[in-house]
Structure formats: structure tokens, C-alpha cells
C-alpha atoms as a PDB file:
ATOM      1  CA  MET A   1       0.000   0.000   0.000  1.00  0.00           C
ATOM      2  CA  SER A   2       1.387   3.420  -0.937  1.00  0.00           C
ATOM      3  CA  GLU A   3       0.932   6.503   1.131  1.00  0.00           C
ATOM      4  CA  ASP A   4       0.638   9.929  -0.508  1.00  0.00           C
ATOM      5  CA  LYS A   5       2.831  12.494   1.154  1.00  0.00           C
ATOM      6  CA  LYS A   6       2.453  16.198   0.611  1.00  0.00           C
ATOM      7  CA  ILE A   7       5.758  17.948   0.114  1.00  0.00           C
ATOM      8  CA  GLU A   8       5.817  21.703   0.274  1.00  0.00           C
ATOM      9  CA  ALA A   9       8.564  23.425  -1.659  1.00  0.00           C
ATOM     10  CA  LYS A  10       9.614  26.824  -0.447  1.00  0.00           C
ATOM     11  CA  PRO A  11      10.293  29.291  -3.236  1.00  0.00           C
ATOM     12  CA  GLU A  12      13.781  30.711  -3.345  1.00  0.00           C
ATOM     13  CA  ASP A  13      14.193  34.378  -2.601  1.00  0.00           C
ATOM     14  CA  ARG A  14      15.356  35.748  -5.939  1.00  0.00           C
ATOM     15  CA  SER A  15      15.070  39.497  -5.898  1.00  0.00           C
ATOM     16  CA  GLU A  16      17.888  40.021  -8.403  1.00  0.00           C
ATOM     17  CA  GLN A  17      17.062  42.637 -11.034  1.00  0.00           C
ATOM     18  CA  ILE A  18      18.319  41.798 -14.529  1.00  0.00           C
ATOM     19  CA  GLN A  19      18.347  44.274 -17.393  1.00  0.00           C
ATOM     20  CA  GLY A  20      18.318  43.179 -21.030  1.00  0.00           C
ATOM     21  CA  ARG A  21      15.928  42.158 -23.776  1.00  0.00           C
ATOM     22  CA  SER A  22      14.002  39.188 -25.098  1.00  0.00           C
ATOM     23  CA  ILE A  23      15.594  37.370 -28.026  1.00  0.00           C
ATOM     24  CA  PHE A  24      14.865  34.523 -30.421  1.00  0.00           C
ATOM     25  CA  ILE A  25      17.445  31.760 -30.660  1.00  0.00           C
ATOM     26  CA  VAL A  26      17.183  30.283 -34.161  1.00  0.00           C
ATOM     27  CA  GLU A  27      19.164  27.195 -35.113  1.00  0.00           C
ATOM     28  CA  THR A  28      19.259  24.905 -38.117  1.00  0.00           C
ATOM     29  CA  THR A  29      18.969  21.247 -37.104  1.00  0.00           C
ATOM     30  CA  SER A  30      18.706  18.062 -39.154  1.00  0.00           C
ATOM     31  CA  SER A  31      14.968  18.026 -38.388  1.00  0.00           C
ATOM     32  CA  GLY A  32      14.247  21.632 -39.339  1.00  0.00           C
ATOM     33  CA  ILE A  33      14.620  25.163 -38.066  1.00  0.00           C
ATOM     34  CA  GLN A  34      14.409  25.351 -34.271  1.00  0.00           C
ATOM     35  CA  VAL A  35      13.217  28.548 -32.563  1.00  0.00           C
ATOM     36  CA  LYS A  36      13.478  29.204 -28.833  1.00  0.00           C
ATOM     37  CA  THR A  37      12.949  32.353 -26.861  1.00  0.00           C
ATOM     38  CA  GLY A  38      15.509  33.673 -24.457  1.00  0.00           C
ATOM     39  CA  PHE A  39      16.681  36.738 -22.602  1.00  0.00           C
ATOM     40  CA  LEU A  40      19.955  38.504 -23.356  1.00  0.00           C
ATOM     41  CA  ALA A  41      21.103  40.205 -20.164  1.00  0.00           C
ATOM     42  CA  GLU A  42      23.189  43.365 -20.355  1.00  0.00           C
ATOM     43  CA  ASP A  43      26.110  41.424 -18.863  1.00  0.00           C
ATOM     44  CA  GLY A  44      26.079  39.040 -21.862  1.00  0.00           C
ATOM     45  CA  ARG A  45      24.352  36.071 -20.211  1.00  0.00           C
ATOM     46  CA  VAL A  46      21.670  34.309 -22.259  1.00  0.00           C
ATOM     47  CA  LEU A  47      18.867  32.982 -20.069  1.00  0.00           C
ATOM     48  CA  GLU A  48      16.083  30.659 -21.176  1.00  0.00           C
ATOM     49  CA  LEU A  49      12.995  32.729 -20.504  1.00  0.00           C
ATOM     50  CA  PRO A  50       9.775  33.349 -22.394  1.00  0.00           C
ATOM     51  CA  ALA A  51       9.617  36.397 -24.640  1.00  0.00           C
ATOM     52  CA  ILE A  52       7.300  39.076 -23.281  1.00  0.00           C
ATOM     53  CA  PHE A  53       5.547  41.419 -25.686  1.00  0.00           C
ATOM     54  CA  PRO A  54       4.278  44.522 -23.846  1.00  0.00           C
ATOM     55  CA  THR A  55       2.316  45.884 -26.826  1.00  0.00           C
ATOM     56  CA  GLN A  56       0.753  44.491 -29.968  1.00  0.00           C
ATOM     57  CA  GLU A  57       2.940  46.744 -32.142  1.00  0.00           C
ATOM     58  CA  TYR A  58       6.114  45.445 -30.492  1.00  0.00           C
ATOM     59  CA  ALA A  59       4.928  41.833 -30.738  1.00  0.00           C
ATOM     60  CA  LEU A  60       4.169  42.085 -34.445  1.00  0.00           C
ATOM     61  CA  SER A  61       7.487  43.809 -35.204  1.00  0.00           C
ATOM     62  CA  GLN A  62       9.323  41.005 -33.385  1.00  0.00           C
ATOM     63  CA  ILE A  63       7.314  38.347 -35.230  1.00  0.00           C
ATOM     64  CA  ASP A  64       8.179  40.028 -38.551  1.00  0.00           C
ATOM     65  CA  GLU A  65      11.866  39.996 -37.599  1.00  0.00           C
ATOM     66  CA  LEU A  66      11.649  36.330 -36.548  1.00  0.00           C
ATOM     67  CA  ARG A  67       9.999  35.513 -39.882  1.00  0.00           C
ATOM     68  CA  LYS A  68      12.940  37.089 -41.758  1.00  0.00           C
ATOM     69  CA  ILE A  69      15.460  35.155 -39.657  1.00  0.00           C
ATOM     70  CA  VAL A  70      13.662  31.831 -40.206  1.00  0.00           C
ATOM     71  CA  ILE A  71      13.521  32.444 -43.964  1.00  0.00           C
ATOM     72  CA  GLN A  72      17.281  33.169 -43.966  1.00  0.00           C
ATOM     73  CA  HIS A  73      18.000  29.933 -42.079  1.00  0.00           C
ATOM     74  CA  PHE A  74      15.951  27.901 -44.565  1.00  0.00           C
ATOM     75  CA  ALA A  75      17.779  29.561 -47.476  1.00  0.00           C
ATOM     76  CA  GLN A  76      21.168  28.777 -45.912  1.00  0.00           C
ATOM     77  CA  ALA A  77      20.112  25.208 -45.114  1.00  0.00           C
ATOM     78  CA  GLN A  78      18.967  24.677 -48.681  1.00  0.00           C
ATOM     79  CA  GLN A  79      22.358  25.829 -49.960  1.00  0.00           C
ATOM     80  CA  VAL A  80      24.282  23.378 -47.786  1.00  0.00           C
ATOM     81  CA  SER A  81      21.649  20.615 -47.834  1.00  0.00           C
ATOM     82  CA  ALA A  82      21.640  20.570 -44.025  1.00  0.00           C
ATOM     83  CA  LEU A  83      18.025  19.467 -43.824  1.00  0.00           C
ATOM     84  CA  HIS A  84      17.455  15.881 -44.929  1.00  0.00           C
ATOM     85  CA  GLY A  85      13.895  14.985 -45.833  1.00  0.00           C
ATOM     86  CA  VAL A  86      12.485  18.358 -44.743  1.00  0.00           C
ATOM     87  CA  SER A  87      10.534  20.425 -47.247  1.00  0.00           C
ATOM     88  CA  LEU A  88      12.265  23.708 -47.948  1.00  0.00           C
ATOM     89  CA  GLU A  89       9.410  25.125 -49.984  1.00  0.00           C
ATOM     90  CA  GLY A  90       7.779  28.378 -48.986  1.00  0.00           C
ATOM     91  CA  PRO A  91       4.702  28.569 -46.775  1.00  0.00           C
ATOM     92  CA  SER A  92       1.347  27.390 -48.033  1.00  0.00           C
ATOM     93  CA  PRO A  93      -1.922  29.159 -47.179  1.00  0.00           C
ATOM     94  CA  ASP A  94      -2.420  26.531 -44.449  1.00  0.00           C
ATOM     95  CA  ASP A  95       0.800  27.709 -42.740  1.00  0.00           C
ATOM     96  CA  THR A  96      -0.541  31.203 -42.094  1.00  0.00           C
ATOM     97  CA  ILE A  97      -1.261  32.019 -38.466  1.00  0.00           C
ATOM     98  CA  GLN A  98      -4.591  33.788 -38.175  1.00  0.00           C
END
């Protein structure tokens, strides 16, 4: 017979203020183009954190920039044949985010 035990975790006191900006980390892998969000601190550290978009205008400008970067990675991958078995064709109407 198993007994359920409740374990309470105490949150760590992390009051450190970090200045920087949200970034996209785009990499070409053998499976496709990988996109992660991160945070580039002013001291040069890259932290894995979600991107925060304070306004719709800022969010859409960042998405447009990400789109350009992803297209560049696919173009580079096509030139060096880094993606095996992955379609490198442009987006279809079904790929559009609405």
C-alpha cells in the first residue's frame, strides 16, 4: 500500500534585477529550423525565458523579424543541404497564423 505524502517546496528568494531584452534563438537542425525564446542580459548572459511582448505593435514587429530570420535559415540550409527529408518550400496558405 502506498501513502501519498504532501511535500511543500519553499520558493527561493530571488530578488535580483536583470536588465536586457528578449531574443529569439534560431538554429538549423537536421529536423528543421528550431526557434526558442531567451533573454539577453546586459552582462552578456543568455537565459532561457519566455519572450514578453508589452504591446501588440512590439509583438508584431518582433514576429516580422523572426519571420525574416527563419527564412534566412531555410535559405542557408537549402544551400548546404543541411536538412534531410524536410521540405524547404515556402509557406502554403495553411501555414498562415490567423
